[in-house]
Amino acid sequence: MDPLAPLLKLADVESAVNGARAAVDGAYKHRALRRQGGAVAAEISLRCAVASAALEGHRYELSDVRGGTVLDAVLQGALRVAEALPGLHQTWQTAPRQVLARLHLLAGTGVLPDAVLGRPDPESAGRLDTLLQIVTGQAGDPLIRAAVVHGELLALRAFPGVNGVVARAAGRLTLVGSGFDPRGLIALEVAQLAREPEYVGAAGAFATGTPDGLRSWLRHYATAVTGGAEEIAVVGDAVLASA
């Protein structure tokens, strides 16, 4: 049984999901991925980390971050998270609580006291357990699953200080581990930063738990996945041009 199956039946959600999937399939055919795939992945990882920090209110120019001149603790945590993600997606499928603790440690070092790192808010334990059952169950549409993981972690605020960084990383891990985005190339955070008011509003709507709120978030997420897939071509073209 897929507990998330009814979400795909909400108005306009399935068509948005199908459009996002087509955009990802098309983006994965970009010729830069055959010639310079590693460079494309590295640049997208950097852009996503910078965007994730920006969504937490810590905004910096990409060129400054690339130059190594920005020492902001939240940004540095987002960079550590981005660097660790490729090695975490398999463990995420089987031991998600362990991975969330690791993400919080990476994101929160230098931001929070060491004593609270890796420890979710105890008041969120019940809902967090339910959410992690969805992760390990691996049922249903992977984009819907990633959206629910991301949205629910935002709503729970289980990881103080850097909760958004952790939530966005968990959504990304869900897309990668499911095979929807096997190389971790969808620049989801970049697309969400570009639509920041919508991102914030839709996340708030999701937290209400109403059908309209869920629909708003799922449509936003599918649109952001589409935009994140389009960013692959932008980065791919730039990498080829500089080669």
Foldseek 3Di string as FASTA:
>chain_A
DQPCVVLCVQPPLVVLLVLLLVLLVVLCPDPLCVVPVVQLLVVLLLLLLQLLLVLVVDHDDSVCVVVVNDDDLQSQLSSQLSVCLVVCLVVCLPPVLQVLLVSQQSRCVVPDPPVCRSFWDVVCVVVVVVLSCNSNVLDDDLLSNLLCQLLVQVLSCRRPPSSNSSSNSSSLSSCCNNVSNVSSQQSLSNLCSVVVVLQVVLSVLVSVVDSVSSNSSSSSSSVSSSVSSVVSNVSSVVVVVVD
